[in-house]
């Protein structure tokens, strides 16, 4: 006679996992919308941005605007998948969160304080999407 071992997750752990997934989805939606607005501001060459000479990663402000705009649109699209609890969306959410961090790091001279805030914001999103274990997912 062989014993089969089945693991059952408690309802509290399942609700914790669902809560973190929803939190990550909402945060990714907000980060995406903020990236879209930042992209639009940069494309319109708003006076909010500062130009720093002699920076290693020097791009035109319009280029950064398009990069942030595309990342924001993709982030919002992925967040819809997160609301459906799709596994592909969790993986893509972590990837787009990493790309948002990289884009904000590289555009640090144009808007330093906001870039640091968005880096921390995206790190929180990545944490929320990675902390749910496979056996706790729903």
C-alpha atoms as a PDB file:
ATOM      1  CA  UNK A   1       0.000   0.000   0.000  1.00  0.00           C
ATOM      2  CA  UNK A   2       1.446   3.336  -0.969  1.00  0.00           C
ATOM      3  CA  UNK A   3       0.617   6.545   0.699  1.00  0.00           C
ATOM      4  CA  UNK A   4      -0.138   9.520  -1.404  1.00  0.00           C
ATOM      5  CA  UNK A   5       0.737  12.863  -0.038  1.00  0.00           C
ATOM      6  CA  UNK A   6      -1.469  15.715  -1.036  1.00  0.00           C
ATOM      7  CA  UNK A   7      -0.851  19.183   0.186  1.00  0.00           C
ATOM      8  CA  UNK A   8      -3.808  21.351   0.819  1.00  0.00           C
ATOM      9  CA  UNK A   9      -3.396  25.026   1.271  1.00  0.00           C
ATOM     10  CA  UNK A  10      -5.439  26.784   3.837  1.00  0.00           C
ATOM     11  CA  UNK A  11      -8.030  29.337   2.794  1.00  0.00           C
ATOM     12  CA  UNK A  12      -5.988  32.009   4.574  1.00  0.00           C
ATOM     13  CA  UNK A  13      -2.929  31.268   2.427  1.00  0.00           C
ATOM     14  CA  UNK A  14      -5.029  31.221  -0.722  1.00  0.00           C
ATOM     15  CA  UNK A  15      -6.557  34.594   0.122  1.00  0.00           C
ATOM     16  CA  UNK A  16      -3.069  35.935   0.924  1.00  0.00           C
ATOM     17  CA  UNK A  17      -1.843  34.800  -2.504  1.00  0.00           C
ATOM     18  CA  UNK A  18      -4.894  36.261  -4.229  1.00  0.00           C
ATOM     19  CA  UNK A  19      -4.430  39.515  -2.346  1.00  0.00           C
ATOM     20  CA  UNK A  20      -0.798  39.843  -3.390  1.00  0.00           C
ATOM     21  CA  UNK A  21      -1.679  39.081  -6.989  1.00  0.00           C
ATOM     22  CA  UNK A  22      -4.376  41.755  -6.943  1.00  0.00           C
ATOM     23  CA  UNK A  23      -2.008  44.176  -5.235  1.00  0.00           C
ATOM     24  CA  UNK A  24       0.619  43.555  -7.909  1.00  0.00           C
ATOM     25  CA  UNK A  25      -1.984  43.991 -10.656  1.00  0.00           C
ATOM     26  CA  UNK A  26      -3.235  47.291  -9.265  1.00  0.00           C
ATOM     27  CA  UNK A  27       0.294  48.589  -8.698  1.00  0.00           C
ATOM     28  CA  UNK A  28       1.334  47.574 -12.211  1.00  0.00           C
ATOM     29  CA  UNK A  29      -1.714  49.362 -13.623  1.00  0.00           C
ATOM     30  CA  UNK A  30      -0.816  52.521 -11.711  1.00  0.00           C
ATOM     31  CA  UNK A  31       2.867  52.262 -12.732  1.00  0.00           C
ATOM     32  CA  UNK A  32       1.828  51.755 -16.346  1.00  0.00           C
ATOM     33  CA  UNK A  33      -0.494  54.746 -16.326  1.00  0.00           C
ATOM     34  CA  UNK A  34       2.177  56.921 -14.729  1.00  0.00           C
ATOM     35  CA  UNK A  35       4.682  55.762 -17.352  1.00  0.00           C
ATOM     36  CA  UNK A  36       2.171  56.620 -20.087  1.00  0.00           C
ATOM     37  CA  UNK A  37       1.701  60.122 -18.666  1.00  0.00           C
ATOM     38  CA  UNK A  38       5.455  60.570 -18.278  1.00  0.00           C
ATOM     39  CA  UNK A  39       5.932  59.451 -21.867  1.00  0.00           C
ATOM     40  CA  UNK A  40       3.345  61.910 -23.132  1.00  0.00           C
ATOM     41  CA  UNK A  41       4.991  64.723 -21.160  1.00  0.00           C
ATOM     42  CA  UNK A  42       8.395  63.860 -22.588  1.00  0.00           C
ATOM     43  CA  UNK A  43       7.107  63.579 -26.164  1.00  0.00           C
ATOM     44  CA  UNK A  44       5.471  67.002 -25.787  1.00  0.00           C
ATOM     45  CA  UNK A  45       8.801  68.266 -24.361  1.00  0.00           C
ATOM     46  CA  UNK A  46       7.254  69.608 -21.200  1.00  0.00           C
ATOM     47  CA  UNK A  47       9.281  71.996 -19.007  1.00  0.00           C
ATOM     48  CA  UNK A  48       9.144  69.539 -16.097  1.00  0.00           C
ATOM     49  CA  UNK A  49      12.212  67.681 -17.327  1.00  0.00           C
ATOM     50  CA  UNK A  50      15.790  68.758 -16.734  1.00  0.00           C
ATOM     51  CA  UNK A  51      18.511  68.215 -19.304  1.00  0.00           C
ATOM     52  CA  UNK A  52      21.823  67.120 -17.870  1.00  0.00           C
ATOM     53  CA  UNK A  53      24.898  67.431 -20.036  1.00  0.00           C
ATOM     54  CA  UNK A  54      27.685  64.861 -19.874  1.00  0.00           C
ATOM     55  CA  UNK A  55      25.573  61.871 -18.885  1.00  0.00           C
ATOM     56  CA  UNK A  56      26.706  58.489 -20.164  1.00  0.00           C
ATOM     57  CA  UNK A  57      23.256  57.372 -21.344  1.00  0.00           C
ATOM     58  CA  UNK A  58      22.292  60.479 -23.271  1.00  0.00           C
ATOM     59  CA  UNK A  59      19.165  60.210 -25.404  1.00  0.00           C
ATOM     60  CA  UNK A  60      16.781  62.748 -26.781  1.00  0.00           C
ATOM     61  CA  UNK A  61      13.867  63.554 -24.467  1.00  0.00           C
ATOM     62  CA  UNK A  62      11.417  62.477 -27.173  1.00  0.00           C
ATOM     63  CA  UNK A  63      13.128  59.068 -27.353  1.00  0.00           C
ATOM     64  CA  UNK A  64      12.714  58.590 -23.616  1.00  0.00           C
ATOM     65  CA  UNK A  65       9.095  59.638 -23.973  1.00  0.00           C
ATOM     66  CA  UNK A  66       8.387  56.931 -26.528  1.00  0.00           C
ATOM     67  CA  UNK A  67      10.226  54.321 -24.424  1.00  0.00           C
ATOM     68  CA  UNK A  68       8.177  55.175 -21.328  1.00  0.00           C
ATOM     69  CA  UNK A  69       4.965  55.344 -23.338  1.00  0.00           C
ATOM     70  CA  UNK A  70       5.466  51.872 -24.826  1.00  0.00           C
ATOM     71  CA  UNK A  71       6.481  50.381 -21.466  1.00  0.00           C
ATOM     72  CA  UNK A  72       3.408  51.929 -19.853  1.00  0.00           C
ATOM     73  CA  UNK A  73       1.022  50.555 -22.466  1.00  0.00           C
ATOM     74  CA  UNK A  74       2.555  47.079 -22.175  1.00  0.00           C
ATOM     75  CA  UNK A  75       2.391  47.255 -18.355  1.00  0.00           C
ATOM     76  CA  UNK A  76      -1.312  48.131 -18.407  1.00  0.00           C
ATOM     77  CA  UNK A  77      -1.984  45.301 -20.870  1.00  0.00           C
ATOM     78  CA  UNK A  78      -0.112  42.819 -18.650  1.00  0.00           C
ATOM     79  CA  UNK A  79      -1.977  44.003 -15.565  1.00  0.00           C
ATOM     80  CA  UNK A  80      -5.255  42.901 -17.169  1.00  0.00           C
ATOM     81  CA  UNK A  81      -3.791  39.396 -17.355  1.00  0.00           C
ATOM     82  CA  UNK A  82      -2.813  39.643 -13.689  1.00  0.00           C
ATOM     83  CA  UNK A  83      -6.415  40.368 -12.758  1.00  0.00           C
ATOM     84  CA  UNK A  84      -7.237  37.032 -14.444  1.00  0.00           C
ATOM     85  CA  UNK A  85      -4.445  35.334 -12.409  1.00  0.00           C
ATOM     86  CA  UNK A  86      -2.681  34.147 -15.552  1.00  0.00           C
ATOM     87  CA  UNK A  87       0.770  32.645 -15.057  1.00  0.00           C
ATOM     88  CA  UNK A  88       2.073  34.295 -18.217  1.00  0.00           C
ATOM     89  CA  UNK A  89       1.057  37.646 -16.760  1.00  0.00           C
ATOM     90  CA  UNK A  90       3.055  37.042 -13.567  1.00  0.00           C
ATOM     91  CA  UNK A  91       6.173  36.265 -15.596  1.00  0.00           C
ATOM     92  CA  UNK A  92       5.572  39.175 -17.951  1.00  0.00           C
ATOM     93  CA  UNK A  93       4.806  41.459 -14.994  1.00  0.00           C
ATOM     94  CA  UNK A  94       8.161  40.699 -13.422  1.00  0.00           C
ATOM     95  CA  UNK A  95       9.870  41.270 -16.784  1.00  0.00           C
ATOM     96  CA  UNK A  96       8.115  44.580 -17.477  1.00  0.00           C
ATOM     97  CA  UNK A  97       8.791  45.682 -13.897  1.00  0.00           C
ATOM     98  CA  UNK A  98      12.478  45.062 -14.502  1.00  0.00           C
ATOM     99  CA  UNK A  99      12.360  46.974 -17.780  1.00  0.00           C
ATOM    100  CA  UNK A 100      10.635  49.894 -16.052  1.00  0.00           C
ATOM    101  CA  UNK A 101      13.400  49.909 -13.441  1.00  0.00           C
ATOM    102  CA  UNK A 102      16.068  49.944 -16.150  1.00  0.00           C
ATOM    103  CA  UNK A 103      14.318  52.686 -18.142  1.00  0.00           C
ATOM    104  CA  UNK A 104      13.946  54.863 -15.053  1.00  0.00           C
ATOM    105  CA  UNK A 105      17.558  54.313 -14.072  1.00  0.00           C
ATOM    106  CA  UNK A 106      18.763  55.310 -17.520  1.00  0.00           C
ATOM    107  CA  UNK A 107      16.516  58.381 -17.607  1.00  0.00           C
ATOM    108  CA  UNK A 108      17.533  59.432 -14.101  1.00  0.00           C
ATOM    109  CA  UNK A 109      19.012  62.824 -15.144  1.00  0.00           C
ATOM    110  CA  UNK A 110      15.804  64.022 -16.795  1.00  0.00           C
ATOM    111  CA  UNK A 111      13.585  63.615 -13.716  1.00  0.00           C
ATOM    112  CA  UNK A 112      15.682  62.322 -10.782  1.00  0.00           C
ATOM    113  CA  UNK A 113      13.233  62.179  -7.883  1.00  0.00           C
ATOM    114  CA  UNK A 114      10.417  60.650  -9.911  1.00  0.00           C
ATOM    115  CA  UNK A 115      12.792  58.081 -11.407  1.00  0.00           C
ATOM    116  CA  UNK A 116      13.857  56.933  -7.934  1.00  0.00           C
ATOM    117  CA  UNK A 117      10.202  56.733  -6.841  1.00  0.00           C
ATOM    118  CA  UNK A 118       9.311  54.634  -9.899  1.00  0.00           C
ATOM    119  CA  UNK A 119      12.298  52.336  -9.308  1.00  0.00           C
ATOM    120  CA  UNK A 120      11.073  51.650  -5.769  1.00  0.00           C
ATOM    121  CA  UNK A 121       7.485  51.298  -7.007  1.00  0.00           C
ATOM    122  CA  UNK A 122       8.520  48.743  -9.630  1.00  0.00           C
ATOM    123  CA  UNK A 123      10.614  46.810  -7.119  1.00  0.00           C
ATOM    124  CA  UNK A 124       7.507  46.517  -4.937  1.00  0.00           C
ATOM    125  CA  UNK A 125       5.553  45.191  -7.920  1.00  0.00           C
ATOM    126  CA  UNK A 126       8.216  42.574  -8.631  1.00  0.00           C
ATOM    127  CA  UNK A 127       8.185  41.532  -4.974  1.00  0.00           C
ATOM    128  CA  UNK A 128       4.387  41.168  -4.951  1.00  0.00           C
ATOM    129  CA  UNK A 129       4.430  39.008  -8.074  1.00  0.00           C
ATOM    130  CA  UNK A 130       7.327  36.806  -6.946  1.00  0.00           C
ATOM    131  CA  UNK A 131       6.363  36.170  -3.331  1.00  0.00           C
ATOM    132  CA  UNK A 132       3.410  33.903  -4.143  1.00  0.00           C
ATOM    133  CA  UNK A 133       4.640  30.311  -4.208  1.00  0.00           C
ATOM    134  CA  UNK A 134       3.468  27.840  -6.813  1.00  0.00           C
ATOM    135  CA  UNK A 135       1.554  25.699  -4.278  1.00  0.00           C
ATOM    136  CA  UNK A 136      -0.232  28.786  -2.943  1.00  0.00           C
ATOM    137  CA  UNK A 137      -1.429  30.036  -6.293  1.00  0.00           C
ATOM    138  CA  UNK A 138      -5.078  29.762  -7.087  1.00  0.00           C
END
